[in-house]
Amino acid sequence: QVQLVESGGGLVQAGGSLRLSCAASQTIFSNLENYMAWYRQAPGKQRELVATISTSGFSVYADSVKGRFTISRGSAKNTVYLQMNNLKPEDTADYYCEAYANMDHYWGQGTQVTVSS
């Protein structure tokens, strides 16, 4: 069982920045099949993929965040970050970390991001 702990959410004005962190209880980036990702869910909407990064470093972004958000891995192979710049009110959501490892999916509890206009 993998536990994920997110941090870094908060309240920020439009145009501001936040950096989210997600730490896993075990090494994730040790197998080429494994990856970590960030999702978000706004009130009344479905959860959507924000960005994902593989063990090889390949990353994918939702069109809505391209050029503003950057996903990266920590050196410890169990951490992923999401640097969010030029935040917009529509980025307001609960952000969740996901890890795929041991042929299973694991989720964190989420961290809230609120962007005021």
PDB file of N, CA and C in Angstrom:
ATOM      1  N   GLN A   1       0.846  -1.193   0.000  1.00  0.00           N
ATOM      2  CA  GLN A   1       0.000   0.000   0.000  1.00  0.00           C
ATOM      3  C   GLN A   1       0.881   1.241   0.000  1.00  0.00           C
ATOM      4  N   VAL A   2       0.557   2.180  -0.866  1.00  0.00           N
ATOM      5  CA  VAL A   2       1.312   3.425  -0.977  1.00  0.00           C
ATOM      6  C   VAL A   2       0.469   4.566  -0.428  1.00  0.00           C
ATOM      7  N   GLN A   3       1.016   5.309   0.491  1.00  0.00           N
ATOM      8  CA  GLN A   3       0.341   6.517   0.986  1.00  0.00           C
ATOM      9  C   GLN A   3       0.941   7.741   0.304  1.00  0.00           C
ATOM     10  N   LEU A   4       0.065   8.662  -0.060  1.00  0.00           N
ATOM     11  CA  LEU A   4       0.476   9.909  -0.708  1.00  0.00           C
ATOM     12  C   LEU A   4       0.023  11.084   0.152  1.00  0.00           C
ATOM     13  N   VAL A   5       0.914  12.037   0.350  1.00  0.00           N
ATOM     14  CA  VAL A   5       0.596  13.212   1.142  1.00  0.00           C
ATOM     15  C   VAL A   5       0.891  14.458   0.309  1.00  0.00           C
ATOM     16  N   GLU A   6      -0.169  15.238   0.059  1.00  0.00           N
ATOM     17  CA  GLU A   6      -0.026  16.483  -0.705  1.00  0.00           C
ATOM     18  C   GLU A   6       0.118  17.669   0.243  1.00  0.00           C
ATOM     19  N   SER A   7       0.775  18.707  -0.248  1.00  0.00           N
ATOM     20  CA  SER A   7       0.881  19.955   0.494  1.00  0.00           C
ATOM     21  C   SER A   7       1.091  21.099  -0.488  1.00  0.00           C
ATOM     22  N   GLY A   8       0.903  22.313   0.007  1.00  0.00           N
ATOM     23  CA  GLY A   8       1.209  23.484  -0.807  1.00  0.00           C
ATOM     24  C   GLY A   8       0.020  24.253  -1.320  1.00  0.00           C
ATOM     25  N   GLY A   9      -1.188  23.766  -1.072  1.00  0.00           N
ATOM     26  CA  GLY A   9      -2.354  24.494  -1.537  1.00  0.00           C
ATOM     27  C   GLY A   9      -2.577  25.749  -0.707  1.00  0.00           C
ATOM     28  N   GLY A  10      -3.542  26.551  -1.155  1.00  0.00           N
ATOM     29  CA  GLY A  10      -3.849  27.770  -0.422  1.00  0.00           C
ATOM     30  C   GLY A  10      -4.634  28.744  -1.252  1.00  0.00           C
ATOM     31  N   LEU A  11      -4.706  29.964  -0.741  1.00  0.00           N
ATOM     32  CA  LEU A  11      -5.432  31.046  -1.408  1.00  0.00           C
ATOM     33  C   LEU A  11      -4.421  31.986  -2.052  1.00  0.00           C
ATOM     34  N   VAL A  12      -4.654  32.323  -3.315  1.00  0.00           N
ATOM     35  CA  VAL A  12      -3.736  33.195  -4.039  1.00  0.00           C
ATOM     36  C   VAL A  12      -4.543  34.079  -4.987  1.00  0.00           C
ATOM     37  N   GLN A  13      -4.034  35.253  -5.257  1.00  0.00           N
ATOM     38  CA  GLN A  13      -4.705  36.139  -6.200  1.00  0.00           C
ATOM     39  C   GLN A  13      -4.396  35.704  -7.632  1.00  0.00           C
ATOM     40  N   ALA A  14      -5.288  36.047  -8.532  1.00  0.00           N
ATOM     41  CA  ALA A  14      -5.063  35.759  -9.948  1.00  0.00           C
ATOM     42  C   ALA A  14      -3.729  36.351 -10.391  1.00  0.00           C
ATOM     43  N   GLY A  15      -2.995  35.561 -11.163  1.00  0.00           N
ATOM     44  CA  GLY A  15      -1.670  35.958 -11.597  1.00  0.00           C
ATOM     45  C   GLY A  15      -0.557  35.481 -10.693  1.00  0.00           C
ATOM     46  N   GLY A  16      -0.927  34.974  -9.540  1.00  0.00           N
ATOM     47  CA  GLY A  16       0.057  34.496  -8.570  1.00  0.00           C
ATOM     48  C   GLY A  16       0.514  33.078  -8.853  1.00  0.00           C
ATOM     49  N   SER A  17       1.331  32.564  -7.943  1.00  0.00           N
ATOM     50  CA  SER A  17       1.915  31.236  -8.106  1.00  0.00           C
ATOM     51  C   SER A  17       1.770  30.417  -6.831  1.00  0.00           C
ATOM     52  N   LEU A  18       1.728  29.118  -7.016  1.00  0.00           N
ATOM     53  CA  LEU A  18       1.761  28.153  -5.916  1.00  0.00           C
ATOM     54  C   LEU A  18       2.571  26.949  -6.370  1.00  0.00           C
ATOM     55  N   ARG A  19       3.150  26.261  -5.399  1.00  0.00           N
ATOM     56  CA  ARG A  19       3.862  25.025  -5.701  1.00  0.00           C
ATOM     57  C   ARG A  19       3.297  23.913  -4.836  1.00  0.00           C
ATOM     58  N   LEU A  20       2.744  22.910  -5.483  1.00  0.00           N
ATOM     59  CA  LEU A  20       2.212  21.745  -4.778  1.00  0.00           C
ATOM     60  C   LEU A  20       3.274  20.658  -4.703  1.00  0.00           C
ATOM     61  N   SER A  21       3.252  19.927  -3.602  1.00  0.00           N
ATOM     62  CA  SER A  21       4.162  18.810  -3.412  1.00  0.00           C
ATOM     63  C   SER A  21       3.376  17.555  -3.067  1.00  0.00           C
ATOM     64  N   CYS A  22       3.889  16.432  -3.481  1.00  0.00           N
ATOM     65  CA  CYS A  22       3.274  15.144  -3.158  1.00  0.00           C
ATOM     66  C   CYS A  22       4.388  14.165  -2.851  1.00  0.00           C
ATOM     67  N   ALA A  23       4.340  13.599  -1.646  1.00  0.00           N
ATOM     68  CA  ALA A  23       5.352  12.639  -1.235  1.00  0.00           C
ATOM     69  C   ALA A  23       4.710  11.275  -1.035  1.00  0.00           C
ATOM     70  N   ALA A  24       5.311  10.274  -1.630  1.00  0.00           N
ATOM     71  CA  ALA A  24       4.828   8.902  -1.498  1.00  0.00           C
ATOM     72  C   ALA A  24       5.595   8.179  -0.393  1.00  0.00           C
ATOM     73  N   SER A  25       4.947   7.179   0.182  1.00  0.00           N
ATOM     74  CA  SER A  25       5.547   6.436   1.290  1.00  0.00           C
ATOM     75  C   SER A  25       6.585   5.432   0.820  1.00  0.00           C
ATOM     76  N   GLN A  26       6.693   5.243  -0.498  1.00  0.00           N
ATOM     77  CA  GLN A  26       7.724   4.369  -1.034  1.00  0.00           C
ATOM     78  C   GLN A  26       8.176   4.890  -2.388  1.00  0.00           C
ATOM     79  N   THR A  27       9.289   4.390  -2.855  1.00  0.00           N
ATOM     80  CA  THR A  27       9.826   4.810  -4.147  1.00  0.00           C
ATOM     81  C   THR A  27       8.842   4.483  -5.265  1.00  0.00           C
ATOM     82  N   ILE A  28       8.598   5.482  -6.102  1.00  0.00           N
ATOM     83  CA  ILE A  28       7.698   5.300  -7.238  1.00  0.00           C
ATOM     84  C   ILE A  28       8.483   5.198  -8.545  1.00  0.00           C
ATOM     85  N   PHE A  29       9.431   6.106  -8.723  1.00  0.00           N
ATOM     86  CA  PHE A  29      10.131   6.212  -9.998  1.00  0.00           C
ATOM     87  C   PHE A  29      11.313   5.238 -10.072  1.00  0.00           C
ATOM     88  N   SER A  30      11.000   3.948  -9.868  1.00  0.00           N
ATOM     89  CA  SER A  30      12.031   2.920  -9.954  1.00  0.00           C
ATOM     90  C   SER A  30      11.696   1.904 -11.030  1.00  0.00           C
ATOM     91  N   ASN A  31      10.559   2.049 -11.628  1.00  0.00           N
ATOM     92  CA  ASN A  31      10.054   1.115 -12.629  1.00  0.00           C
ATOM     93  C   ASN A  31       9.523   1.936 -13.792  1.00  0.00           C
ATOM     94  N   LEU A  32       9.902   1.566 -15.001  1.00  0.00           N
ATOM     95  CA  LEU A  32       9.501   2.352 -16.162  1.00  0.00           C
ATOM     96  C   LEU A  32       7.994   2.402 -16.365  1.00  0.00           C
ATOM     97  N   GLU A  33       7.275   1.478 -15.780  1.00  0.00           N
ATOM     98  CA  GLU A  33       5.818   1.479 -15.932  1.00  0.00           C
ATOM     99  C   GLU A  33       5.141   2.471 -14.981  1.00  0.00           C
ATOM    100  N   ASN A  34       5.883   2.924 -13.984  1.00  0.00           N
ATOM    101  CA  ASN A  34       5.271   3.760 -12.952  1.00  0.00           C
ATOM    102  C   ASN A  34       5.242   5.223 -13.349  1.00  0.00           C
ATOM    103  N   TYR A  35       4.307   5.937 -12.758  1.00  0.00           N
ATOM    104  CA  TYR A  35       4.224   7.370 -12.991  1.00  0.00           C
ATOM    105  C   TYR A  35       3.515   8.021 -11.825  1.00  0.00           C
ATOM    106  N   MET A  36       3.576   9.335 -11.774  1.00  0.00           N
ATOM    107  CA  MET A  36       2.795  10.133 -10.831  1.00  0.00           C
ATOM    108  C   MET A  36       2.100  11.234 -11.604  1.00  0.00           C
ATOM    109  N   ALA A  37       1.004  11.708 -11.045  1.00  0.00           N
ATOM    110  CA  ALA A  37       0.201  12.694 -11.767  1.00  0.00           C
ATOM    111  C   ALA A  37      -0.528  13.594 -10.782  1.00  0.00           C
ATOM    112  N   TRP A  38      -0.971  14.720 -11.298  1.00  0.00           N
ATOM    113  CA  TRP A  38      -1.845  15.634 -10.578  1.00  0.00           C
ATOM    114  C   TRP A  38      -3.179  15.711 -11.310  1.00  0.00           C
ATOM    115  N   TYR A  39      -4.239  15.599 -10.539  1.00  0.00           N
ATOM    116  CA  TYR A  39      -5.593  15.802 -11.033  1.00  0.00           C
ATOM    117  C   TYR A  39      -6.211  16.945 -10.235  1.00  0.00           C
ATOM    118  N   ARG A  40      -7.302  17.456 -10.724  1.00  0.00           N
ATOM    119  CA  ARG A  40      -8.048  18.454  -9.967  1.00  0.00           C
ATOM    120  C   ARG A  40      -9.547  18.260 -10.174  1.00  0.00           C
ATOM    121  N   GLN A  41     -10.283  18.700  -9.167  1.00  0.00           N
ATOM    122  CA  GLN A  41     -11.735  18.612  -9.239  1.00  0.00           C
ATOM    123  C   GLN A  41     -12.329  19.894  -8.682  1.00  0.00           C
ATOM    124  N   ALA A  42     -12.998  20.627  -9.545  1.00  0.00           N
ATOM    125  CA  ALA A  42     -13.678  21.849  -9.138  1.00  0.00           C
ATOM    126  C   ALA A  42     -15.081  21.502  -8.664  1.00  0.00           C
ATOM    127  N   PRO A  43     -15.685  22.345  -7.851  1.00  0.00           N
ATOM    128  CA  PRO A  43     -17.039  22.071  -7.356  1.00  0.00           C
ATOM    129  C   PRO A  43     -18.016  21.831  -8.497  1.00  0.00           C
ATOM    130  N   GLY A  44     -18.728  20.727  -8.418  1.00  0.00           N
ATOM    131  CA  GLY A  44     -19.732  20.416  -9.425  1.00  0.00           C
ATOM    132  C   GLY A  44     -19.195  19.877 -10.732  1.00  0.00           C
ATOM    133  N   LYS A  45     -17.886  19.637 -10.785  1.00  0.00           N
ATOM    134  CA  LYS A  45     -17.287  19.141 -12.020  1.00  0.00           C
ATOM    135  C   LYS A  45     -16.585  17.808 -11.774  1.00  0.00           C
ATOM    136  N   GLN A  46     -16.306  17.126 -12.882  1.00  0.00           N
ATOM    137  CA  GLN A  46     -15.599  15.861 -12.777  1.00  0.00           C
ATOM    138  C   GLN A  46     -14.111  16.099 -12.549  1.00  0.00           C
ATOM    139  N   ARG A  47     -13.475  15.116 -11.956  1.00  0.00           N
ATOM    140  CA  ARG A  47     -12.033  15.178 -11.767  1.00  0.00           C
ATOM    141  C   ARG A  47     -11.351  15.128 -13.136  1.00  0.00           C
ATOM    142  N   GLU A  48     -10.354  15.982 -13.328  1.00  0.00           N
ATOM    143  CA  GLU A  48      -9.653  16.022 -14.606  1.00  0.00           C
ATOM    144  C   GLU A  48      -8.148  15.949 -14.411  1.00  0.00           C
ATOM    145  N   LEU A  49      -7.486  15.395 -15.407  1.00  0.00           N
ATOM    146  CA  LEU A  49      -6.037  15.301 -15.375  1.00  0.00           C
ATOM    147  C   LEU A  49      -5.424  16.674 -15.600  1.00  0.00           C
ATOM    148  N   VAL A  50      -4.449  17.014 -14.773  1.00  0.00           N
ATOM    149  CA  VAL A  50      -3.717  18.278 -14.938  1.00  0.00           C
ATOM    150  C   VAL A  50      -2.384  18.013 -15.615  1.00  0.00           C
ATOM    151  N   ALA A  51      -1.631  17.070 -15.056  1.00  0.00           N
ATOM    152  CA  ALA A  51      -0.319  16.764 -15.618  1.00  0.00           C
ATOM    153  C   ALA A  51       0.142  15.419 -15.080  1.00  0.00           C
ATOM    154  N   THR A  52       0.974  14.760 -15.849  1.00  0.00           N
ATOM    155  CA  THR A  52       1.528  13.490 -15.432  1.00  0.00           C
ATOM    156  C   THR A  52       2.999  13.426 -15.837  1.00  0.00           C
ATOM    157  N   ILE A  53       3.781  12.668 -15.078  1.00  0.00           N
ATOM    158  CA  ILE A  53       5.193  12.505 -15.389  1.00  0.00           C
ATOM    159  C   ILE A  53       5.592  11.064 -15.144  1.00  0.00           C
ATOM    160  N   SER A  54       6.341  10.508 -16.085  1.00  0.00           N
ATOM    161  CA  SER A  54       6.729   9.114 -16.002  1.00  0.00           C
ATOM    162  C   SER A  54       8.110   8.968 -15.369  1.00  0.00           C
ATOM    163  N   THR A  55       8.487   7.735 -15.145  1.00  0.00           N
ATOM    164  CA  THR A  55       9.810   7.450 -14.605  1.00  0.00           C
ATOM    165  C   THR A  55      10.907   7.956 -15.538  1.00  0.00           C
ATOM    166  N   SER A  56      10.645   7.904 -16.830  1.00  0.00           N
ATOM    167  CA  SER A  56      11.630   8.373 -17.812  1.00  0.00           C
ATOM    168  C   SER A  56      11.675   9.893 -17.916  1.00  0.00           C
ATOM    169  N   GLY A  57      10.709  10.539 -17.265  1.00  0.00           N
ATOM    170  CA  GLY A  57      10.684  11.997 -17.289  1.00  0.00           C
ATOM    171  C   GLY A  57       9.735  12.587 -18.313  1.00  0.00           C
ATOM    172  N   PHE A  58       9.053  11.725 -19.043  1.00  0.00           N
ATOM    173  CA  PHE A  58       8.101  12.217 -20.039  1.00  0.00           C
ATOM    174  C   PHE A  58       6.894  12.811 -19.329  1.00  0.00           C
ATOM    175  N   SER A  59       6.497  14.000 -19.726  1.00  0.00           N
ATOM    176  CA  SER A  59       5.376  14.675 -19.066  1.00  0.00           C
ATOM    177  C   SER A  59       4.302  15.056 -20.084  1.00  0.00           C
ATOM    178  N   VAL A  60       3.079  15.089 -19.591  1.00  0.00           N
ATOM    179  CA  VAL A  60       1.919  15.448 -20.401  1.00  0.00           C
ATOM    180  C   VAL A  60       1.092  16.445 -19.600  1.00  0.00           C
ATOM    181  N   TYR A  61       0.552  17.433 -20.293  1.00  0.00           N
ATOM    182  CA  TYR A  61      -0.245  18.472 -19.636  1.00  0.00           C
ATOM    183  C   TYR A  61      -1.610  18.626 -20.284  1.00  0.00           C
ATOM    184  N   ALA A  62      -2.576  19.011 -19.475  1.00  0.00           N
ATOM    185  CA  ALA A  62      -3.870  19.411 -20.015  1.00  0.00           C
ATOM    186  C   ALA A  62      -3.677  20.712 -20.792  1.00  0.00           C
ATOM    187  N   ASP A  63      -4.447  20.880 -21.846  1.00  0.00           N
ATOM    188  CA  ASP A  63      -4.313  22.086 -22.661  1.00  0.00           C
ATOM    189  C   ASP A  63      -4.524  23.351 -21.832  1.00  0.00           C
ATOM    190  N   SER A  64      -5.395  23.264 -20.854  1.00  0.00           N
ATOM    191  CA  SER A  64      -5.748  24.451 -20.071  1.00  0.00           C
ATOM    192  C   SER A  64      -4.606  24.958 -19.192  1.00  0.00           C
ATOM    193  N   VAL A  65      -3.575  24.132 -18.971  1.00  0.00           N
ATOM    194  CA  VAL A  65      -2.485  24.545 -18.080  1.00  0.00           C
ATOM    195  C   VAL A  65      -1.132  24.631 -18.793  1.00  0.00           C
ATOM    196  N   LYS A  66      -1.089  24.256 -20.052  1.00  0.00           N
ATOM    197  CA  LYS A  66       0.176  24.293 -20.794  1.00  0.00           C
ATOM    198  C   LYS A  66       0.759  25.696 -20.798  1.00  0.00           C
ATOM    199  N   GLY A  67       2.047  25.766 -20.527  1.00  0.00           N
ATOM    200  CA  GLY A  67       2.726  27.052 -20.493  1.00  0.00           C
ATOM    201  C   GLY A  67       2.633  27.766 -19.154  1.00  0.00           C
ATOM    202  N   ARG A  68       1.788  27.272 -18.259  1.00  0.00           N
ATOM    203  CA  ARG A  68       1.633  27.898 -16.939  1.00  0.00           C
ATOM    204  C   ARG A  68       2.052  26.968 -15.807  1.00  0.00           C
ATOM    205  N   PHE A  69       1.809  25.677 -15.966  1.00  0.00           N
ATOM    206  CA  PHE A  69       2.115  24.694 -14.926  1.00  0.00           C
ATOM    207  C   PHE A  69       3.296  23.834 -15.374  1.00  0.00           C
ATOM    208  N   THR A  70       4.098  23.414 -14.381  1.00  0.00           N
ATOM    209  CA  THR A  70       5.208  22.522 -14.657  1.00  0.00           C
ATOM    210  C   THR A  70       5.234  21.408 -13.626  1.00  0.00           C
ATOM    211  N   ILE A  71       5.238  20.177 -14.104  1.00  0.00           N
ATOM    212  CA  ILE A  71       5.341  19.025 -13.216  1.00  0.00           C
ATOM    213  C   ILE A  71       6.801  18.568 -13.210  1.00  0.00           C
ATOM    214  N   SER A  72       7.280  18.174 -12.035  1.00  0.00           N
ATOM    215  CA  SER A  72       8.658  17.720 -11.932  1.00  0.00           C
ATOM    216  C   SER A  72       8.773  16.673 -10.840  1.00  0.00           C
ATOM    217  N   ARG A  73       9.875  15.940 -10.879  1.00  0.00           N
ATOM    218  CA  ARG A  73      10.126  14.901  -9.890  1.00  0.00           C
ATOM    219  C   ARG A  73      11.223  15.344  -8.932  1.00  0.00           C
ATOM    220  N   GLY A  74      11.116  14.851  -7.701  1.00  0.00           N
ATOM    221  CA  GLY A  74      12.179  15.092  -6.750  1.00  0.00           C
ATOM    222  C   GLY A  74      13.302  14.081  -6.932  1.00  0.00           C
ATOM    223  N   SER A  75      14.441  14.359  -6.349  1.00  0.00           N
ATOM    224  CA  SER A  75      15.602  13.476  -6.487  1.00  0.00           C
ATOM    225  C   SER A  75      15.423  12.167  -5.731  1.00  0.00           C
ATOM    226  N   ALA A  76      14.517  12.131  -4.783  1.00  0.00           N
ATOM    227  CA  ALA A  76      14.332  10.947  -3.949  1.00  0.00           C
ATOM    228  C   ALA A  76      13.481   9.873  -4.605  1.00  0.00           C
ATOM    229  N   LYS A  77      12.990  10.139  -5.807  1.00  0.00           N
ATOM    230  CA  LYS A  77      12.196   9.175  -6.587  1.00  0.00           C
ATOM    231  C   LYS A  77      10.866   8.810  -5.952  1.00  0.00           C
ATOM    232  N   ASN A  78      10.420   9.604  -4.983  1.00  0.00           N
ATOM    233  CA  ASN A  78       9.102   9.352  -4.415  1.00  0.00           C
ATOM    234  C   ASN A  78       8.298  10.640  -4.278  1.00  0.00           C
ATOM    235  N   THR A  79       8.745  11.679  -4.959  1.00  0.00           N
ATOM    236  CA  THR A  79       8.117  12.994  -4.810  1.00  0.00           C
ATOM    237  C   THR A  79       7.839  13.606  -6.175  1.00  0.00           C
ATOM    238  N   VAL A  80       6.707  14.287  -6.253  1.00  0.00           N
ATOM    239  CA  VAL A  80       6.370  15.024  -7.466  1.00  0.00           C
ATOM    240  C   VAL A  80       5.898  16.410  -7.067  1.00  0.00           C
ATOM    241  N   TYR A  81       6.208  17.372  -7.900  1.00  0.00           N
ATOM    242  CA  TYR A  81       5.832  18.753  -7.649  1.00  0.00           C
ATOM    243  C   TYR A  81       4.991  19.282  -8.808  1.00  0.00           C
ATOM    244  N   LEU A  82       4.186  20.280  -8.502  1.00  0.00           N
ATOM    245  CA  LEU A  82       3.449  20.993  -9.543  1.00  0.00           C
ATOM    246  C   LEU A  82       3.633  22.482  -9.296  1.00  0.00           C
ATOM    247  N   GLN A  83       4.439  23.108 -10.130  1.00  0.00           N
ATOM    248  CA  GLN A  83       4.628  24.539 -10.057  1.00  0.00           C
ATOM    249  C   GLN A  83       3.551  25.200 -10.899  1.00  0.00           C
ATOM    250  N   MET A  84       2.752  26.034 -10.278  1.00  0.00           N
ATOM    251  CA  MET A  84       1.624  26.668 -10.947  1.00  0.00           C
ATOM    252  C   MET A  84       1.853  28.174 -10.983  1.00  0.00           C
ATOM    253  N   ASN A  85       2.016  28.698 -12.180  1.00  0.00           N
ATOM    254  CA  ASN A  85       2.228  30.132 -12.366  1.00  0.00           C
ATOM    255  C   ASN A  85       1.060  30.757 -13.104  1.00  0.00           C
ATOM    256  N   ASN A  86       0.962  32.068 -13.003  1.00  0.00           N
ATOM    257  CA  ASN A  86      -0.111  32.798 -13.684  1.00  0.00           C
ATOM    258  C   ASN A  86      -1.474  32.142 -13.431  1.00  0.00           C
ATOM    259  N   LEU A  87      -1.755  31.907 -12.170  1.00  0.00           N
ATOM    260  CA  LEU A  87      -2.995  31.221 -11.806  1.00  0.00           C
ATOM    261  C   LEU A  87      -4.216  32.059 -12.162  1.00  0.00           C
ATOM    262  N   LYS A  88      -5.272  31.359 -12.533  1.00  0.00           N
ATOM    263  CA  LYS A  88      -6.529  31.985 -12.923  1.00  0.00           C
ATOM    264  C   LYS A  88      -7.641  31.496 -12.000  1.00  0.00           C
ATOM    265  N   PRO A  89      -8.713  32.268 -11.873  1.00  0.00           N
ATOM    266  CA  PRO A  89      -9.825  31.812 -11.020  1.00  0.00           C
ATOM    267  C   PRO A  89     -10.348  30.434 -11.419  1.00  0.00           C
ATOM    268  N   GLU A  90     -10.276  30.101 -12.692  1.00  0.00           N
ATOM    269  CA  GLU A  90     -10.763  28.794 -13.134  1.00  0.00           C
ATOM    270  C   GLU A  90      -9.844  27.647 -12.727  1.00  0.00           C
ATOM    271  N   ASP A  91      -8.695  27.957 -12.149  1.00  0.00           N
ATOM    272  CA  ASP A  91      -7.822  26.917 -11.603  1.00  0.00           C
ATOM    273  C   ASP A  91      -8.248  26.503 -10.195  1.00  0.00           C
ATOM    274  N   THR A  92      -9.221  27.199  -9.645  1.00  0.00           N
ATOM    275  CA  THR A  92      -9.714  26.870  -8.311  1.00  0.00           C
ATOM    276  C   THR A  92     -10.282  25.457  -8.292  1.00  0.00           C
ATOM    277  N   ALA A  93      -9.765  24.624  -7.388  1.00  0.00           N
ATOM    278  CA  ALA A  93     -10.177  23.225  -7.320  1.00  0.00           C
ATOM    279  C   ALA A  93      -9.451  22.548  -6.168  1.00  0.00           C
ATOM    280  N   ASP A  94      -9.887  21.333  -5.884  1.00  0.00           N
ATOM    281  CA  ASP A  94      -9.098  20.440  -5.034  1.00  0.00           C
ATOM    282  C   ASP A  94      -8.131  19.694  -5.944  1.00  0.00           C
ATOM    283  N   TYR A  95      -6.869  19.694  -5.583  1.00  0.00           N
ATOM    284  CA  TYR A  95      -5.837  19.049  -6.389  1.00  0.00           C
ATOM    285  C   TYR A  95      -5.417  17.744  -5.723  1.00  0.00           C
ATOM    286  N   TYR A  96      -5.396  16.689  -6.510  1.00  0.00           N
ATOM    287  CA  TYR A  96      -5.089  15.355  -6.002  1.00  0.00           C
ATOM    288  C   TYR A  96      -3.848  14.788  -6.690  1.00  0.00           C
ATOM    289  N   CYS A  97      -3.053  14.128  -5.904  1.00  0.00           N
ATOM    290  CA  CYS A  97      -1.880  13.431  -6.407  1.00  0.00           C
ATOM    291  C   CYS A  97      -2.247  11.967  -6.643  1.00  0.00           C
ATOM    292  N   GLU A  98      -1.774  11.432  -7.748  1.00  0.00           N
ATOM    293  CA  GLU A  98      -1.969  10.021  -8.064  1.00  0.00           C
ATOM    294  C   GLU A  98      -0.619   9.385  -8.344  1.00  0.00           C
ATOM    295  N   ALA A  99      -0.468   8.151  -7.886  1.00  0.00           N
ATOM    296  CA  ALA A  99       0.715   7.366  -8.220  1.00  0.00           C
ATOM    297  C   ALA A  99       0.270   6.030  -8.789  1.00  0.00           C
ATOM    298  N   TYR A 100       0.949   5.627  -9.850  1.00  0.00           N
ATOM    299  CA  TYR A 100       0.730   4.283 -10.392  1.00  0.00           C
ATOM    300  C   TYR A 100       1.989   3.481 -10.106  1.00  0.00           C
ATOM    301  N   ALA A 101       1.840   2.452  -9.274  1.00  0.00           N
ATOM    302  CA  ALA A 101       2.968   1.614  -8.890  1.00  0.00           C
ATOM    303  C   ALA A 101       2.425   0.264  -8.450  1.00  0.00           C
ATOM    304  N   ASN A 102       3.260  -0.762  -8.551  1.00  0.00           N
ATOM    305  CA  ASN A 102       2.825  -2.105  -8.154  1.00  0.00           C
ATOM    306  C   ASN A 102       1.558  -2.504  -8.902  1.00  0.00           C
ATOM    307  N   MET A 103       1.420  -2.012 -10.127  1.00  0.00           N
ATOM    308  CA  MET A 103       0.264  -2.297 -10.989  1.00  0.00           C
ATOM    309  C   MET A 103      -1.050  -1.878 -10.324  1.00  0.00           C
ATOM    310  N   ASP A 104      -0.990  -0.795  -9.566  1.00  0.00           N
ATOM    311  CA  ASP A 104      -2.186  -0.299  -8.897  1.00  0.00           C
ATOM    312  C   ASP A 104      -2.126   1.223  -8.847  1.00  0.00           C
ATOM    313  N   HIS A 105      -3.286   1.832  -8.618  1.00  0.00           N
ATOM    314  CA  HIS A 105      -3.396   3.277  -8.530  1.00  0.00           C
ATOM    315  C   HIS A 105      -3.597   3.689  -7.078  1.00  0.00           C
ATOM    316  N   TYR A 106      -2.929   4.764  -6.705  1.00  0.00           N
ATOM    317  CA  TYR A 106      -3.039   5.280  -5.347  1.00  0.00           C
ATOM    318  C   TYR A 106      -3.330   6.771  -5.411  1.00  0.00           C
ATOM    319  N   TRP A 107      -4.114   7.253  -4.423  1.00  0.00           N
ATOM    320  CA  TRP A 107      -4.528   8.654  -4.417  1.00  0.00           C
ATOM    321  C   TRP A 107      -4.242   9.300  -3.075  1.00  0.00           C
ATOM    322  N   GLY A 108      -3.907  10.565  -3.143  1.00  0.00           N
ATOM    323  CA  GLY A 108      -3.783  11.343  -1.926  1.00  0.00           C
ATOM    324  C   GLY A 108      -5.124  11.908  -1.509  1.00  0.00           C
ATOM    325  N   GLN A 109      -5.135  12.628  -0.386  1.00  0.00           N
ATOM    326  CA  GLN A 109      -6.372  13.174   0.161  1.00  0.00           C
ATOM    327  C   GLN A 109      -6.750  14.498  -0.498  1.00  0.00           C
ATOM    328  N   GLY A 110      -5.826  15.111  -1.179  1.00  0.00           N
ATOM    329  CA  GLY A 110      -6.120  16.355  -1.878  1.00  0.00           C
ATOM    330  C   GLY A 110      -5.683  17.586  -1.105  1.00  0.00           C
ATOM    331  N   THR A 111      -5.431  18.642  -1.848  1.00  0.00           N
ATOM    332  CA  THR A 111      -5.112  19.934  -1.266  1.00  0.00           C
ATOM    333  C   THR A 111      -5.883  21.004  -2.041  1.00  0.00           C
ATOM    334  N   GLN A 112      -6.426  21.965  -1.314  1.00  0.00           N
ATOM    335  CA  GLN A 112      -7.312  22.935  -1.936  1.00  0.00           C
ATOM    336  C   GLN A 112      -6.527  24.126  -2.471  1.00  0.00           C
ATOM    337  N   VAL A 113      -6.871  24.527  -3.680  1.00  0.00           N
ATOM    338  CA  VAL A 113      -6.297  25.718  -4.292  1.00  0.00           C
ATOM    339  C   VAL A 113      -7.444  26.670  -4.641  1.00  0.00           C
ATOM    340  N   THR A 114      -7.351  27.872  -4.137  1.00  0.00           N
ATOM    341  CA  THR A 114      -8.365  28.886  -4.423  1.00  0.00           C
ATOM    342  C   THR A 114      -7.687  30.108  -5.021  1.00  0.00           C
ATOM    343  N   VAL A 115      -8.159  30.511  -6.192  1.00  0.00           N
ATOM    344  CA  VAL A 115      -7.603  31.666  -6.879  1.00  0.00           C
ATOM    345  C   VAL A 115      -8.668  32.754  -6.939  1.00  0.00           C
ATOM    346  N   SER A 116      -8.373  33.871  -6.307  1.00  0.00           N
ATOM    347  CA  SER A 116      -9.332  34.975  -6.270  1.00  0.00           C
ATOM    348  C   SER A 116      -9.070  35.934  -7.427  1.00  0.00           C
ATOM    349  N   SER A 117     -10.143  36.536  -7.913  1.00  0.00           N
ATOM    350  CA  SER A 117     -10.018  37.463  -9.062  1.00  0.00           C
ATOM    351  C   SER A 117      -9.776  38.888  -8.601  1.00  0.00           C
TER     352      SER A 117
END
